[in-house]
Amino acid sequence: MRAYGAKTLKEFLLMQREYTLKGLVDKIECPTLVCDKAADAIAGGQAKRLYDALGCPKDYVRFTAEEGADHCEGGAQVLFHRVACDWLDKRLATS
């Protein structure tokens, strides 16, 4: 919080609204992996909207509760790391 100049947690959380990719998404050129979770009550479809807006080479992975990622893909770290590392291996092999 201190790095952002916020005096309270509430002030810090409200500051997060200012951090978006609005007006920047079209500048992303590198291959991008967008991860999402099926039951995301907080971000509510933001990952899919980002994926749809990207014009670069992209991949979309949606993690599900059946895979052990009911809270988030972080809840299934082995799965997330396998997917992310496999994606990197594939991308780096074709670069």
C-alpha atoms as a PDB file:
ATOM      1  CA  MET A   1       0.000   0.000   0.000  1.00  0.00           C
ATOM      2  CA  ARG A   2       2.800   2.371   0.854  1.00  0.00           C
ATOM      3  CA  ALA A   3       4.294   2.138  -2.654  1.00  0.00           C
ATOM      4  CA  TYR A   4       0.982   3.411  -4.042  1.00  0.00           C
ATOM      5  CA  GLY A   5       0.599   6.188  -1.480  1.00  0.00           C
ATOM      6  CA  ALA A   6      -2.573   4.665  -0.021  1.00  0.00           C
ATOM      7  CA  LYS A   7      -3.243   5.362   3.633  1.00  0.00           C
ATOM      8  CA  THR A   8      -5.896   2.672   4.120  1.00  0.00           C
ATOM      9  CA  LEU A   9      -6.737  -0.692   2.643  1.00  0.00           C
ATOM     10  CA  LYS A  10      -9.987   0.704   1.279  1.00  0.00           C
ATOM     11  CA  GLU A  11      -8.135   3.526  -0.470  1.00  0.00           C
ATOM     12  CA  PHE A  12      -5.680   1.011  -1.947  1.00  0.00           C
ATOM     13  CA  LEU A  13      -8.463  -1.238  -3.227  1.00  0.00           C
ATOM     14  CA  LEU A  14     -10.280   1.707  -4.799  1.00  0.00           C
ATOM     15  CA  MET A  15      -7.064   2.709  -6.556  1.00  0.00           C
ATOM     16  CA  GLN A  16      -7.035  -0.660  -8.317  1.00  0.00           C
ATOM     17  CA  ARG A  17      -9.918   0.496 -10.521  1.00  0.00           C
ATOM     18  CA  GLU A  18      -7.470   2.781 -12.313  1.00  0.00           C
ATOM     19  CA  TYR A  19      -5.334  -0.128 -13.507  1.00  0.00           C
ATOM     20  CA  THR A  20      -6.853  -1.465 -16.703  1.00  0.00           C
ATOM     21  CA  LEU A  21      -5.754  -2.468 -20.190  1.00  0.00           C
ATOM     22  CA  LYS A  22      -8.254  -0.078 -21.730  1.00  0.00           C
ATOM     23  CA  GLY A  23      -6.579   1.535 -24.717  1.00  0.00           C
ATOM     24  CA  LEU A  24      -3.582  -0.788 -24.421  1.00  0.00           C
ATOM     25  CA  VAL A  25      -4.862  -4.198 -25.502  1.00  0.00           C
ATOM     26  CA  ASP A  26      -4.356  -3.439 -29.185  1.00  0.00           C
ATOM     27  CA  LYS A  27      -0.664  -2.738 -28.472  1.00  0.00           C
ATOM     28  CA  ILE A  28      -0.009  -6.253 -27.149  1.00  0.00           C
ATOM     29  CA  GLU A  29       1.841  -8.138 -29.878  1.00  0.00           C
ATOM     30  CA  CYS A  30       3.498 -11.058 -28.117  1.00  0.00           C
ATOM     31  CA  PRO A  31       1.760 -14.427 -27.819  1.00  0.00           C
ATOM     32  CA  THR A  32      -0.495 -14.346 -24.785  1.00  0.00           C
ATOM     33  CA  LEU A  33      -1.991 -17.054 -22.602  1.00  0.00           C
ATOM     34  CA  VAL A  34      -5.212 -15.941 -20.925  1.00  0.00           C
ATOM     35  CA  CYS A  35      -6.319 -18.090 -17.987  1.00  0.00           C
ATOM     36  CA  ASP A  36      -9.835 -18.047 -16.593  1.00  0.00           C
ATOM     37  CA  LYS A  37     -11.945 -20.006 -14.183  1.00  0.00           C
ATOM     38  CA  ALA A  38     -15.446 -21.211 -14.786  1.00  0.00           C
ATOM     39  CA  ALA A  39     -16.929 -19.930 -11.537  1.00  0.00           C
ATOM     40  CA  ASP A  40     -15.367 -16.497 -11.187  1.00  0.00           C
ATOM     41  CA  ALA A  41     -17.633 -14.375  -9.020  1.00  0.00           C
ATOM     42  CA  ILE A  42     -15.137 -11.514  -8.766  1.00  0.00           C
ATOM     43  CA  ALA A  43     -13.636 -10.952 -12.224  1.00  0.00           C
ATOM     44  CA  GLY A  44     -16.824 -12.094 -13.964  1.00  0.00           C
ATOM     45  CA  GLY A  45     -15.756 -12.689 -17.546  1.00  0.00           C
ATOM     46  CA  GLN A  46     -12.891 -10.199 -17.711  1.00  0.00           C
ATOM     47  CA  ALA A  47     -10.434 -12.843 -18.906  1.00  0.00           C
ATOM     48  CA  LYS A  48     -12.694 -13.821 -21.821  1.00  0.00           C
ATOM     49  CA  ARG A  49     -13.209 -10.173 -22.770  1.00  0.00           C
ATOM     50  CA  LEU A  50      -9.447  -9.662 -22.737  1.00  0.00           C
ATOM     51  CA  TYR A  51      -8.957 -12.754 -24.889  1.00  0.00           C
ATOM     52  CA  ASP A  52     -11.574 -11.577 -27.380  1.00  0.00           C
ATOM     53  CA  ALA A  53      -9.974  -8.116 -27.585  1.00  0.00           C
ATOM     54  CA  LEU A  54      -6.449  -9.374 -28.230  1.00  0.00           C
ATOM     55  CA  GLY A  55      -5.221  -9.256 -31.819  1.00  0.00           C
ATOM     56  CA  CYS A  56      -1.970 -11.108 -31.153  1.00  0.00           C
ATOM     57  CA  PRO A  57      -1.451 -14.884 -31.214  1.00  0.00           C
ATOM     58  CA  LYS A  58      -3.404 -16.054 -28.197  1.00  0.00           C
ATOM     59  CA  ASP A  59      -4.719 -19.041 -26.299  1.00  0.00           C
ATOM     60  CA  TYR A  60      -7.512 -19.266 -23.764  1.00  0.00           C
ATOM     61  CA  VAL A  61      -7.695 -21.821 -20.958  1.00  0.00           C
ATOM     62  CA  ARG A  62     -10.730 -22.128 -18.721  1.00  0.00           C
ATOM     63  CA  PHE A  63     -10.140 -24.027 -15.493  1.00  0.00           C
ATOM     64  CA  THR A  64     -13.064 -25.833 -13.876  1.00  0.00           C
ATOM     65  CA  ALA A  65     -14.066 -27.162 -10.471  1.00  0.00           C
ATOM     66  CA  GLU A  66     -13.946 -30.685 -11.884  1.00  0.00           C
ATOM     67  CA  GLU A  67     -10.222 -30.136 -12.428  1.00  0.00           C
ATOM     68  CA  GLY A  68      -9.791 -28.942  -8.839  1.00  0.00           C
ATOM     69  CA  ALA A  69      -9.843 -25.237  -9.679  1.00  0.00           C
ATOM     70  CA  ASP A  70     -13.159 -24.353  -8.107  1.00  0.00           C
ATOM     71  CA  HIS A  71     -11.857 -21.277  -6.262  1.00  0.00           C
ATOM     72  CA  CYS A  72      -9.257 -20.330  -8.875  1.00  0.00           C
ATOM     73  CA  GLU A  73      -6.591 -21.973 -10.951  1.00  0.00           C
ATOM     74  CA  GLY A  74      -4.316 -21.230  -8.014  1.00  0.00           C
ATOM     75  CA  GLY A  75      -6.353 -23.831  -6.150  1.00  0.00           C
ATOM     76  CA  ALA A  76      -5.021 -26.356  -8.628  1.00  0.00           C
ATOM     77  CA  GLN A  77      -1.428 -25.197  -8.829  1.00  0.00           C
ATOM     78  CA  VAL A  78      -0.083 -28.393 -10.358  1.00  0.00           C
ATOM     79  CA  LEU A  79      -2.674 -28.141 -13.130  1.00  0.00           C
ATOM     80  CA  PHE A  80      -2.009 -24.433 -13.680  1.00  0.00           C
ATOM     81  CA  HIS A  81       1.763 -24.927 -13.841  1.00  0.00           C
ATOM     82  CA  ARG A  82       1.406 -27.863 -16.231  1.00  0.00           C
ATOM     83  CA  VAL A  83      -0.823 -25.832 -18.551  1.00  0.00           C
ATOM     84  CA  ALA A  84       1.336 -22.695 -18.361  1.00  0.00           C
ATOM     85  CA  CYS A  85       4.644 -24.553 -18.802  1.00  0.00           C
ATOM     86  CA  ASP A  86       3.277 -26.668 -21.668  1.00  0.00           C
ATOM     87  CA  TRP A  87       2.065 -23.459 -23.333  1.00  0.00           C
ATOM     88  CA  LEU A  88       5.500 -21.871 -22.910  1.00  0.00           C
ATOM     89  CA  ASP A  89       7.236 -24.989 -24.261  1.00  0.00           C
ATOM     90  CA  LYS A  90       4.990 -24.940 -27.326  1.00  0.00           C
ATOM     91  CA  ARG A  91       5.449 -21.201 -27.903  1.00  0.00           C
ATOM     92  CA  LEU A  92       9.207 -21.221 -27.416  1.00  0.00           C
ATOM     93  CA  ALA A  93       9.620 -24.222 -29.723  1.00  0.00           C
ATOM     94  CA  THR A  94       7.897 -22.356 -32.571  1.00  0.00           C
ATOM     95  CA  SER A  95       9.729 -19.056 -32.028  1.00  0.00           C
END
